[in-house]
PDB file of N, CA and C in Angstrom:
ATOM      1  N   MET A   1      -9.097   7.266  -5.874  1.00  0.00           N
ATOM      2  CA  MET A   1      -7.647   7.382  -5.845  1.00  0.00           C
ATOM      3  C   MET A   1      -7.182   7.161  -4.404  1.00  0.00           C
ATOM      4  N   ASN A   2      -6.158   6.372  -4.209  1.00  0.00           N
ATOM      5  CA  ASN A   2      -5.623   6.082  -2.878  1.00  0.00           C
ATOM      6  C   ASN A   2      -4.317   6.854  -2.710  1.00  0.00           C
ATOM      7  N   ALA A   3      -4.437   8.166  -2.431  1.00  0.00           N
ATOM      8  CA  ALA A   3      -3.249   9.017  -2.293  1.00  0.00           C
ATOM      9  C   ALA A   3      -3.528  10.116  -1.284  1.00  0.00           C
ATOM     10  N   ALA A   4      -2.476  10.583  -0.647  1.00  0.00           N
ATOM     11  CA  ALA A   4      -2.556  11.734   0.247  1.00  0.00           C
ATOM     12  C   ALA A   4      -1.892  12.907  -0.470  1.00  0.00           C
ATOM     13  N   ILE A   5      -2.306  14.137  -0.161  1.00  0.00           N
ATOM     14  CA  ILE A   5      -1.745  15.345  -0.776  1.00  0.00           C
ATOM     15  C   ILE A   5      -1.101  16.181   0.323  1.00  0.00           C
ATOM     16  N   TYR A   6       0.150  16.622   0.092  1.00  0.00           N
ATOM     17  CA  TYR A   6       0.853  17.497   1.030  1.00  0.00           C
ATOM     18  C   TYR A   6       1.585  18.560   0.226  1.00  0.00           C
ATOM     19  N   ASN A   7       1.329  19.830   0.510  1.00  0.00           N
ATOM     20  CA  ASN A   7       1.948  20.941  -0.226  1.00  0.00           C
ATOM     21  C   ASN A   7       1.843  20.742  -1.728  1.00  0.00           C
ATOM     22  N   ASP A   8       0.647  20.389  -2.191  1.00  0.00           N
ATOM     23  CA  ASP A   8       0.360  20.167  -3.613  1.00  0.00           C
ATOM     24  C   ASP A   8       1.146  19.019  -4.231  1.00  0.00           C
ATOM     25  N   LYS A   9       1.751  18.161  -3.414  1.00  0.00           N
ATOM     26  CA  LYS A   9       2.473  17.000  -3.919  1.00  0.00           C
ATOM     27  C   LYS A   9       1.688  15.750  -3.547  1.00  0.00           C
ATOM     28  N   GLN A  10       1.511  14.860  -4.509  1.00  0.00           N
ATOM     29  CA  GLN A  10       0.814  13.613  -4.244  1.00  0.00           C
ATOM     30  C   GLN A  10       1.759  12.639  -3.563  1.00  0.00           C
ATOM     31  N   ILE A  11       1.333  12.136  -2.410  1.00  0.00           N
ATOM     32  CA  ILE A  11       2.112  11.154  -1.660  1.00  0.00           C
ATOM     33  C   ILE A  11       1.451   9.804  -1.931  1.00  0.00           C
ATOM     34  N   ASP A  12       2.096   8.960  -2.708  1.00  0.00           N
ATOM     35  CA  ASP A  12       1.492   7.719  -3.167  1.00  0.00           C
ATOM     36  C   ASP A  12       1.442   6.648  -2.091  1.00  0.00           C
ATOM     37  N   PHE A  13       0.418   5.787  -2.192  1.00  0.00           N
ATOM     38  CA  PHE A  13       0.295   4.638  -1.308  1.00  0.00           C
ATOM     39  C   PHE A  13       1.501   3.739  -1.536  1.00  0.00           C
ATOM     40  N   ALA A  14       2.183   3.354  -0.453  1.00  0.00           N
ATOM     41  CA  ALA A  14       3.365   2.496  -0.569  1.00  0.00           C
ATOM     42  C   ALA A  14       3.061   1.073  -0.124  1.00  0.00           C
ATOM     43  N   ASN A  15       2.432   0.926   1.036  1.00  0.00           N
ATOM     44  CA  ASN A  15       2.125  -0.400   1.556  1.00  0.00           C
ATOM     45  C   ASN A  15       1.256  -0.277   2.807  1.00  0.00           C
ATOM     46  N   LYS A  16       0.722  -1.404   3.259  1.00  0.00           N
ATOM     47  CA  LYS A  16       0.006  -1.411   4.524  1.00  0.00           C
ATOM     48  C   LYS A  16       1.020  -1.275   5.645  1.00  0.00           C
ATOM     49  N   SER A  17       0.597  -0.698   6.759  1.00  0.00           N
ATOM     50  CA  SER A  17       1.503  -0.520   7.892  1.00  0.00           C
ATOM     51  C   SER A  17       0.778  -0.915   9.172  1.00  0.00           C
ATOM     52  N   GLY A  18       1.490  -0.911  10.267  1.00  0.00           N
ATOM     53  CA  GLY A  18       0.884  -1.220  11.545  1.00  0.00           C
ATOM     54  C   GLY A  18       1.810  -2.036  12.416  1.00  0.00           C
ATOM     55  N   SER A  19       1.247  -2.544  13.497  1.00  0.00           N
ATOM     56  CA  SER A  19       2.002  -3.335  14.458  1.00  0.00           C
ATOM     57  C   SER A  19       1.068  -4.370  15.071  1.00  0.00           C
ATOM     58  N   GLU A  20       1.554  -5.591  15.169  1.00  0.00           N
ATOM     59  CA  GLU A  20       0.763  -6.671  15.762  1.00  0.00           C
ATOM     60  C   GLU A  20       0.861  -6.692  17.294  1.00  0.00           C
ATOM     61  N   ASP A  21       1.803  -5.910  17.850  1.00  0.00           N
ATOM     62  CA  ASP A  21       1.971  -5.897  19.305  1.00  0.00           C
ATOM     63  C   ASP A  21       2.019  -4.457  19.806  1.00  0.00           C
ATOM     64  N   ALA A  22       2.335  -4.270  21.063  1.00  0.00           N
ATOM     65  CA  ALA A  22       2.348  -2.934  21.670  1.00  0.00           C
ATOM     66  C   ALA A  22       3.716  -2.262  21.601  1.00  0.00           C
ATOM     67  N   ASN A  23       4.659  -2.822  20.858  1.00  0.00           N
ATOM     68  CA  ASN A  23       6.003  -2.268  20.743  1.00  0.00           C
ATOM     69  C   ASN A  23       6.029  -1.183  19.658  1.00  0.00           C
ATOM     70  N   ASN A  24       5.379  -0.040  19.932  1.00  0.00           N
ATOM     71  CA  ASN A  24       5.300   1.081  18.982  1.00  0.00           C
ATOM     72  C   ASN A  24       4.917   2.332  19.770  1.00  0.00           C
ATOM     73  N   PRO A  25       4.948   3.500  19.151  1.00  0.00           N
ATOM     74  CA  PRO A  25       4.657   4.743  19.884  1.00  0.00           C
ATOM     75  C   PRO A  25       3.257   4.798  20.499  1.00  0.00           C
ATOM     76  N   PHE A  26       2.314   4.003  19.974  1.00  0.00           N
ATOM     77  CA  PHE A  26       0.939   4.052  20.466  1.00  0.00           C
ATOM     78  C   PHE A  26       0.668   3.035  21.568  1.00  0.00           C
ATOM     79  N   LYS A  27       1.644   2.173  21.862  1.00  0.00           N
ATOM     80  CA  LYS A  27       1.547   1.168  22.931  1.00  0.00           C
ATOM     81  C   LYS A  27       0.361   0.220  22.739  1.00  0.00           C
ATOM     82  N   SER A  28      -0.049  -0.001  21.481  1.00  0.00           N
ATOM     83  CA  SER A  28      -1.179  -0.874  21.163  1.00  0.00           C
ATOM     84  C   SER A  28      -1.012  -1.420  19.751  1.00  0.00           C
ATOM     85  N   PRO A  29      -1.561  -2.591  19.472  1.00  0.00           N
ATOM     86  CA  PRO A  29      -1.578  -3.082  18.090  1.00  0.00           C
ATOM     87  C   PRO A  29      -2.423  -2.138  17.223  1.00  0.00           C
ATOM     88  N   TRP A  30      -1.976  -1.907  16.004  1.00  0.00           N
ATOM     89  CA  TRP A  30      -2.731  -1.042  15.103  1.00  0.00           C
ATOM     90  C   TRP A  30      -2.529  -1.498  13.663  1.00  0.00           C
ATOM     91  N   VAL A  31      -3.416  -1.047  12.780  1.00  0.00           N
ATOM     92  CA  VAL A  31      -3.340  -1.371  11.360  1.00  0.00           C
ATOM     93  C   VAL A  31      -3.591  -0.089  10.570  1.00  0.00           C
ATOM     94  N   GLY A  32      -2.848   0.083   9.464  1.00  0.00           N
ATOM     95  CA  GLY A  32      -3.016   1.314   8.704  1.00  0.00           C
ATOM     96  C   GLY A  32      -2.381   1.260   7.334  1.00  0.00           C
ATOM     97  N   TYR A  33      -2.164   2.430   6.773  1.00  0.00           N
ATOM     98  CA  TYR A  33      -1.625   2.587   5.422  1.00  0.00           C
ATOM     99  C   TYR A  33      -0.459   3.562   5.443  1.00  0.00           C
ATOM    100  N   HIS A  34       0.563   3.264   4.652  1.00  0.00           N
ATOM    101  CA  HIS A  34       1.790   4.064   4.587  1.00  0.00           C
ATOM    102  C   HIS A  34       1.891   4.705   3.205  1.00  0.00           C
ATOM    103  N   TYR A  35       2.140   6.009   3.181  1.00  0.00           N
ATOM    104  CA  TYR A  35       2.283   6.764   1.940  1.00  0.00           C
ATOM    105  C   TYR A  35       3.676   7.376   1.906  1.00  0.00           C
ATOM    106  N   GLU A  36       4.255   7.519   0.702  1.00  0.00           N
ATOM    107  CA  GLU A  36       5.602   8.091   0.559  1.00  0.00           C
ATOM    108  C   GLU A  36       5.687   9.008  -0.652  1.00  0.00           C
ATOM    109  N   TYR A  37       6.510  10.049  -0.490  1.00  0.00           N
ATOM    110  CA  TYR A  37       6.881  10.929  -1.604  1.00  0.00           C
ATOM    111  C   TYR A  37       8.375  11.171  -1.508  1.00  0.00           C
ATOM    112  N   GLU A  38       9.070  11.007  -2.612  1.00  0.00           N
ATOM    113  CA  GLU A  38      10.499  11.310  -2.647  1.00  0.00           C
ATOM    114  C   GLU A  38      10.800  12.146  -3.877  1.00  0.00           C
ATOM    115  N   ASP A  39      11.493  13.235  -3.653  1.00  0.00           N
ATOM    116  CA  ASP A  39      12.029  14.039  -4.742  1.00  0.00           C
ATOM    117  C   ASP A  39      13.529  13.894  -4.617  1.00  0.00           C
ATOM    118  N   GLY A  40      14.086  13.015  -5.413  1.00  0.00           N
ATOM    119  CA  GLY A  40      15.493  12.672  -5.289  1.00  0.00           C
ATOM    120  C   GLY A  40      16.443  13.793  -5.585  1.00  0.00           C
ATOM    121  N   GLY A  41      15.974  14.797  -6.285  1.00  0.00           N
ATOM    122  CA  GLY A  41      16.907  15.848  -6.635  1.00  0.00           C
ATOM    123  C   GLY A  41      18.116  15.233  -7.285  1.00  0.00           C
ATOM    124  N   ASP A  42      19.224  15.262  -6.603  1.00  0.00           N
ATOM    125  CA  ASP A  42      20.466  14.699  -7.115  1.00  0.00           C
ATOM    126  C   ASP A  42      20.982  13.689  -6.114  1.00  0.00           C
ATOM    127  N   TYR A  43      20.530  12.425  -6.224  1.00  0.00           N
ATOM    128  CA  TYR A  43      20.946  11.382  -5.296  1.00  0.00           C
ATOM    129  C   TYR A  43      22.379  10.912  -5.518  1.00  0.00           C
ATOM    130  N   LEU A  44      22.879  11.050  -6.714  1.00  0.00           N
ATOM    131  CA  LEU A  44      24.224  10.554  -7.014  1.00  0.00           C
ATOM    132  C   LEU A  44      25.134  11.683  -7.507  1.00  0.00           C
ATOM    133  N   PRO A  45      25.329  12.701  -6.692  1.00  0.00           N
ATOM    134  CA  PRO A  45      26.223  13.773  -7.123  1.00  0.00           C
ATOM    135  C   PRO A  45      27.673  13.305  -7.071  1.00  0.00           C
ATOM    136  N   THR A  46      28.536  13.987  -7.785  1.00  0.00           N
ATOM    137  CA  THR A  46      29.953  13.633  -7.735  1.00  0.00           C
ATOM    138  C   THR A  46      30.538  13.971  -6.378  1.00  0.00           C
ATOM    139  N   ASP A  47      29.946  14.920  -5.681  1.00  0.00           N
ATOM    140  CA  ASP A  47      30.381  15.315  -4.346  1.00  0.00           C
ATOM    141  C   ASP A  47      29.165  15.261  -3.419  1.00  0.00           C
ATOM    142  N   ALA A  48      29.217  14.503  -2.310  1.00  0.00           N
ATOM    143  CA  ALA A  48      28.079  14.356  -1.400  1.00  0.00           C
ATOM    144  C   ALA A  48      27.612  15.697  -0.854  1.00  0.00           C
ATOM    145  N   ALA A  49      28.496  16.675  -0.799  1.00  0.00           N
ATOM    146  CA  ALA A  49      28.114  17.998  -0.297  1.00  0.00           C
ATOM    147  C   ALA A  49      27.098  18.667  -1.222  1.00  0.00           C
ATOM    148  N   GLY A  50      26.980  18.198  -2.455  1.00  0.00           N
ATOM    149  CA  GLY A  50      26.033  18.785  -3.392  1.00  0.00           C
ATOM    150  C   GLY A  50      24.696  18.077  -3.440  1.00  0.00           C
ATOM    151  N   MET A  51      24.495  17.070  -2.591  1.00  0.00           N
ATOM    152  CA  MET A  51      23.270  16.280  -2.627  1.00  0.00           C
ATOM    153  C   MET A  51      22.074  17.081  -2.143  1.00  0.00           C
ATOM    154  N   SER A  52      20.949  16.955  -2.853  1.00  0.00           N
ATOM    155  CA  SER A  52      19.689  17.576  -2.453  1.00  0.00           C
ATOM    156  C   SER A  52      18.579  16.553  -2.616  1.00  0.00           C
ATOM    157  N   ALA A  53      17.691  16.471  -1.633  1.00  0.00           N
ATOM    158  CA  ALA A  53      16.585  15.520  -1.681  1.00  0.00           C
ATOM    159  C   ALA A  53      15.517  15.905  -0.674  1.00  0.00           C
ATOM    160  N   THR A  54      14.295  15.438  -0.940  1.00  0.00           N
ATOM    161  CA  THR A  54      13.177  15.617  -0.033  1.00  0.00           C
ATOM    162  C   THR A  54      12.468  14.278   0.102  1.00  0.00           C
ATOM    163  N   LYS A  55      12.111  13.901   1.331  1.00  0.00           N
ATOM    164  CA  LYS A  55      11.344  12.682   1.564  1.00  0.00           C
ATOM    165  C   LYS A  55      10.227  12.999   2.543  1.00  0.00           C
ATOM    166  N   ILE A  56       9.002  12.579   2.183  1.00  0.00           N
ATOM    167  CA  ILE A  56       7.835  12.772   3.025  1.00  0.00           C
ATOM    168  C   ILE A  56       7.169  11.412   3.188  1.00  0.00           C
ATOM    169  N   THR A  57       6.868  11.035   4.433  1.00  0.00           N
ATOM    170  CA  THR A  57       6.110   9.808   4.672  1.00  0.00           C
ATOM    171  C   THR A  57       4.928  10.136   5.572  1.00  0.00           C
ATOM    172  N   PHE A  58       3.857   9.384   5.377  1.00  0.00           N
ATOM    173  CA  PHE A  58       2.618   9.624   6.104  1.00  0.00           C
ATOM    174  C   PHE A  58       1.947   8.280   6.362  1.00  0.00           C
ATOM    175  N   ASP A  59       1.594   8.004   7.616  1.00  0.00           N
ATOM    176  CA  ASP A  59       0.840   6.803   7.976  1.00  0.00           C
ATOM    177  C   ASP A  59      -0.457   7.218   8.640  1.00  0.00           C
ATOM    178  N   ILE A  60      -1.524   6.543   8.280  1.00  0.00           N
ATOM    179  CA  ILE A  60      -2.810   6.737   8.944  1.00  0.00           C
ATOM    180  C   ILE A  60      -3.373   5.352   9.235  1.00  0.00           C
ATOM    181  N   GLY A  61      -3.905   5.193  10.440  1.00  0.00           N
ATOM    182  CA  GLY A  61      -4.408   3.885  10.811  1.00  0.00           C
ATOM    183  C   GLY A  61      -5.359   3.951  11.985  1.00  0.00           C
ATOM    184  N   GLN A  62      -5.644   2.768  12.520  1.00  0.00           N
ATOM    185  CA  GLN A  62      -6.582   2.659  13.623  1.00  0.00           C
ATOM    186  C   GLN A  62      -6.044   1.658  14.637  1.00  0.00           C
ATOM    187  N   ILE A  63      -6.173   2.019  15.931  1.00  0.00           N
ATOM    188  CA  ILE A  63      -5.842   1.081  16.997  1.00  0.00           C
ATOM    189  C   ILE A  63      -6.840  -0.071  16.897  1.00  0.00           C
ATOM    190  N   LYS A  64      -6.326  -1.291  16.901  1.00  0.00           N
ATOM    191  CA  LYS A  64      -7.201  -2.450  16.759  1.00  0.00           C
ATOM    192  C   LYS A  64      -8.253  -2.493  17.871  1.00  0.00           C
ATOM    193  N   ASN A  65      -9.473  -2.854  17.482  1.00  0.00           N
ATOM    194  CA  ASN A  65     -10.618  -3.024  18.386  1.00  0.00           C
ATOM    195  C   ASN A  65     -11.039  -1.734  19.085  1.00  0.00           C
ATOM    196  N   THR A  66     -10.697  -0.578  18.508  1.00  0.00           N
ATOM    197  CA  THR A  66     -11.124   0.719  19.049  1.00  0.00           C
ATOM    198  C   THR A  66     -11.515   1.633  17.890  1.00  0.00           C
ATOM    199  N   ASN A  67     -11.949   2.844  18.225  1.00  0.00           N
ATOM    200  CA  ASN A  67     -12.214   3.871  17.211  1.00  0.00           C
ATOM    201  C   ASN A  67     -11.096   4.902  17.164  1.00  0.00           C
ATOM    202  N   LYS A  68      -9.981   4.641  17.849  1.00  0.00           N
ATOM    203  CA  LYS A  68      -8.878   5.608  17.900  1.00  0.00           C
ATOM    204  C   LYS A  68      -8.088   5.590  16.589  1.00  0.00           C
ATOM    205  N   ILE A  69      -7.840   6.800  16.067  1.00  0.00           N
ATOM    206  CA  ILE A  69      -7.106   6.977  14.815  1.00  0.00           C
ATOM    207  C   ILE A  69      -5.667   7.352  15.148  1.00  0.00           C
ATOM    208  N   VAL A  70      -4.716   6.787  14.406  1.00  0.00           N
ATOM    209  CA  VAL A  70      -3.304   7.126  14.596  1.00  0.00           C
ATOM    210  C   VAL A  70      -2.779   7.811  13.341  1.00  0.00           C
ATOM    211  N   LEU A  71      -1.912   8.811  13.547  1.00  0.00           N
ATOM    212  CA  LEU A  71      -1.276   9.532  12.457  1.00  0.00           C
ATOM    213  C   LEU A  71       0.216   9.630  12.728  1.00  0.00           C
ATOM    214  N   MET A  72       1.007   9.394  11.699  1.00  0.00           N
ATOM    215  CA  MET A  72       2.454   9.617  11.777  1.00  0.00           C
ATOM    216  C   MET A  72       2.860  10.341  10.500  1.00  0.00           C
ATOM    217  N   PHE A  73       3.626  11.415  10.665  1.00  0.00           N
ATOM    218  CA  PHE A  73       4.072  12.227   9.535  1.00  0.00           C
ATOM    219  C   PHE A  73       5.547  12.534   9.717  1.00  0.00           C
ATOM    220  N   MET A  74       6.326  12.379   8.643  1.00  0.00           N
ATOM    221  CA  MET A  74       7.748  12.705   8.699  1.00  0.00           C
ATOM    222  C   MET A  74       8.126  13.402   7.397  1.00  0.00           C
ATOM    223  N   SER A  75       8.840  14.486   7.519  1.00  0.00           N
ATOM    224  CA  SER A  75       9.348  15.212   6.362  1.00  0.00           C
ATOM    225  C   SER A  75      10.819  15.523   6.604  1.00  0.00           C
ATOM    226  N   MET A  76      11.643  15.233   5.610  1.00  0.00           N
ATOM    227  CA  MET A  76      13.076  15.511   5.722  1.00  0.00           C
ATOM    228  C   MET A  76      13.557  16.132   4.416  1.00  0.00           C
ATOM    229  N   LYS A  77      14.307  17.195   4.523  1.00  0.00           N
ATOM    230  CA  LYS A  77      14.869  17.848   3.347  1.00  0.00           C
ATOM    231  C   LYS A  77      16.367  18.013   3.538  1.00  0.00           C
ATOM    232  N   ILE A  78      17.100  17.676   2.510  1.00  0.00           N
ATOM    233  CA  ILE A  78      18.561  17.850   2.502  1.00  0.00           C
ATOM    234  C   ILE A  78      18.881  18.776   1.344  1.00  0.00           C
ATOM    235  N   ASP A  79      19.639  19.802   1.622  1.00  0.00           N
ATOM    236  CA  ASP A  79      20.037  20.758   0.593  1.00  0.00           C
ATOM    237  C   ASP A  79      21.546  20.919   0.635  1.00  0.00           C
ATOM    238  N   ASN A  80      22.179  20.637  -0.477  1.00  0.00           N
ATOM    239  CA  ASN A  80      23.641  20.701  -0.580  1.00  0.00           C
ATOM    240  C   ASN A  80      24.322  19.868   0.502  1.00  0.00           C
ATOM    241  N   GLY A  81      23.776  18.651   0.726  1.00  0.00           N
ATOM    242  CA  GLY A  81      24.399  17.714   1.651  1.00  0.00           C
ATOM    243  C   GLY A  81      24.108  17.950   3.122  1.00  0.00           C
ATOM    244  N   LYS A  82      23.308  18.973   3.457  1.00  0.00           N
ATOM    245  CA  LYS A  82      23.019  19.280   4.864  1.00  0.00           C
ATOM    246  C   LYS A  82      21.525  19.233   5.120  1.00  0.00           C
ATOM    247  N   PRO A  83      21.105  18.608   6.250  1.00  0.00           N
ATOM    248  CA  PRO A  83      19.678  18.629   6.597  1.00  0.00           C
ATOM    249  C   PRO A  83      19.248  20.052   6.916  1.00  0.00           C
ATOM    250  N   VAL A  84      18.221  20.527   6.217  1.00  0.00           N
ATOM    251  CA  VAL A  84      17.740  21.888   6.456  1.00  0.00           C
ATOM    252  C   VAL A  84      16.344  21.901   7.050  1.00  0.00           C
ATOM    253  N   GLN A  85      15.641  20.761   6.993  1.00  0.00           N
ATOM    254  CA  GLN A  85      14.304  20.717   7.561  1.00  0.00           C
ATOM    255  C   GLN A  85      13.970  19.277   7.907  1.00  0.00           C
ATOM    256  N   THR A  86      13.524  19.054   9.116  1.00  0.00           N
ATOM    257  CA  THR A  86      13.046  17.744   9.530  1.00  0.00           C
ATOM    258  C   THR A  86      11.824  17.955  10.407  1.00  0.00           C
ATOM    259  N   VAL A  87      10.754  17.250  10.091  1.00  0.00           N
ATOM    260  CA  VAL A  87       9.515  17.341  10.857  1.00  0.00           C
ATOM    261  C   VAL A  87       9.076  15.915  11.203  1.00  0.00           C
ATOM    262  N   ASN A  88       8.736  15.672  12.456  1.00  0.00           N
ATOM    263  CA  ASN A  88       8.176  14.397  12.889  1.00  0.00           C
ATOM    264  C   ASN A  88       6.933  14.683  13.711  1.00  0.00           C
ATOM    265  N   LEU A  89       5.833  14.023  13.363  1.00  0.00           N
ATOM    266  CA  LEU A  89       4.589  14.176  14.097  1.00  0.00           C
ATOM    267  C   LEU A  89       4.002  12.789  14.322  1.00  0.00           C
ATOM    268  N   ILE A  90       3.701  12.463  15.568  1.00  0.00           N
ATOM    269  CA  ILE A  90       3.055  11.201  15.913  1.00  0.00           C
ATOM    270  C   ILE A  90       1.909  11.540  16.850  1.00  0.00           C
ATOM    271  N   CYS A  91       0.672  11.134  16.491  1.00  0.00           N
ATOM    272  CA  CYS A  91      -0.441  11.430  17.375  1.00  0.00           C
ATOM    273  C   CYS A  91      -1.525  10.360  17.286  1.00  0.00           C
ATOM    274  N   MET A  92      -2.369  10.328  18.309  1.00  0.00           N
ATOM    275  CA  MET A  92      -3.505   9.431  18.371  1.00  0.00           C
ATOM    276  C   MET A  92      -4.743  10.279  18.666  1.00  0.00           C
ATOM    277  N   ILE A  93      -5.809  10.056  17.916  1.00  0.00           N
ATOM    278  CA  ILE A  93      -7.023  10.843  18.059  1.00  0.00           C
ATOM    279  C   ILE A  93      -8.130   9.941  18.572  1.00  0.00           C
ATOM    280  N   ASN A  94      -8.777  10.363  19.652  1.00  0.00           N
ATOM    281  CA  ASN A  94      -9.898   9.583  20.216  1.00  0.00           C
ATOM    282  C   ASN A  94     -11.149   9.793  19.429  1.00  0.00           C
TER     283      ASN A  94
END
């Protein structure tokens, strides 16, 4: 199975990810995989103030021509039209 698990939720493989140049947080070309989970809750409420949703994305990859691993994680939650939780993590492991 090609999936990541976060808080007992399966984050499905979405597409390959990476960068062919150094214009990214890791300052190096890299190749990896992108996973996404969305719980739309109520994307089309009659009033935007009532909107609720959760989105989680996760990338794992490798700096080209090295053994360095890259990780990117983002979680965003909106409850009743207001952001109540946002997490961003970007790291490189030697």
